[in-house]
Protein backbone atom coordinates (compact mmCIF):
# COMPACT_ATOMS: atom_id res chain seq x y z
CA MET A 1 104.87 105.62 68.27
CA TYR A 2 106.11 108.88 66.80
CA PHE A 3 106.15 110.42 70.29
CA TYR A 4 108.49 107.68 71.50
CA ARG A 5 110.99 108.47 68.72
CA MET A 6 111.09 112.16 69.68
CA ILE A 7 112.28 111.62 73.27
CA LYS A 8 115.20 109.76 74.75
CA PRO A 9 114.54 106.31 76.25
CA VAL A 10 115.65 107.53 79.70
CA THR A 11 113.16 110.40 79.61
CA PHE A 12 110.47 107.98 78.46
CA LEU A 13 111.28 105.76 81.47
CA TYR A 14 110.83 108.72 83.82
CA ILE A 15 107.52 109.69 82.20
CA ILE A 16 106.18 106.13 82.41
CA THR A 17 107.31 105.88 86.04
CA ILE A 18 105.49 109.07 87.03
CA VAL A 19 102.32 108.07 85.15
CA VAL A 20 102.26 104.59 86.71
CA LEU A 21 102.93 106.01 90.18
CA ILE A 22 100.06 108.50 89.89
CA ALA A 23 97.75 105.81 88.47
CA ALA A 24 98.61 103.46 91.35
CA VAL A 25 97.84 106.11 93.96
CA VAL A 26 94.53 106.99 92.28
CA TRP A 27 93.65 103.29 91.96
CA GLU A 28 94.41 102.74 95.66
CA TYR A 29 92.22 105.70 96.63
CA TYR A 30 89.25 104.36 94.67
CA MET A 31 89.81 100.84 95.98
CA GLN A 32 89.69 102.16 99.54
CA GLN A 33 86.45 103.96 98.70
CA TRP A 34 85.01 100.75 97.24
CA LEU A 35 86.16 98.69 100.23
CA SER A 36 84.41 101.05 102.62
CA TYR A 37 81.06 100.09 101.03
CA GLN A 38 81.68 96.34 101.37
CA PRO A 39 80.38 94.31 104.32
CA ASN A 40 82.79 94.41 107.29
CA GLN A 41 84.73 97.20 105.54
CA GLY A 42 85.99 94.69 102.97
CA ALA A 43 87.66 92.40 105.49
CA ASN A 44 86.95 89.35 103.32
CA VAL A 45 88.16 90.89 100.06
CA MET A 46 91.34 89.40 98.57
CA ARG A 47 93.35 92.21 96.93
CA VAL A 48 95.02 90.42 94.04
CA ASP A 49 95.63 93.72 92.27
CA LEU A 50 98.37 94.50 94.78
CA PHE A 51 100.47 91.65 93.36
CA VAL A 52 100.56 93.44 90.01
CA ILE A 53 100.48 97.15 90.77
CA TRP A 54 103.05 97.58 93.52
CA PRO A 55 105.78 95.30 92.09
CA LEU A 56 105.44 97.27 88.84
CA VAL A 57 105.72 100.58 90.68
CA ILE A 58 108.70 99.39 92.74
CA THR A 59 110.48 98.08 89.63
CA LEU A 60 109.96 101.30 87.68
CA VAL A 61 111.07 103.50 90.59
CA ALA A 62 114.15 101.33 91.15
CA LEU A 63 115.08 101.51 87.45
CA SER A 64 114.58 105.28 87.42
CA LEU A 65 116.69 105.78 90.54
CA PHE A 66 119.37 103.51 89.12
CA ARG A 67 119.49 105.58 85.92
CA ILE A 68 119.58 108.87 87.85
CA PHE A 69 122.43 107.84 90.14
CA ARG A 70 124.35 106.11 87.36
CA LYS A 71 124.16 109.22 85.21
CA ASN A 72 125.51 111.45 88.00
CA LYS A 73 128.58 109.24 88.56
CA ASN A 74 129.77 109.63 84.95
């Protein structure tokens, strides 16, 4: 937690957003690799992970963009 106290909350939001975005892209790449080994190219696989990952990414990007544009107007 000491690292969190050293940086501003806005900077921490940007760092978390970038880390989650990179992790989501890497996760999607490996899921596509895994799906290619499934029968029928994974046509019968229900991707429940998408209901967690992409709303989180969209929310973090929206918050980051809101903070960037709000800061520039002041």
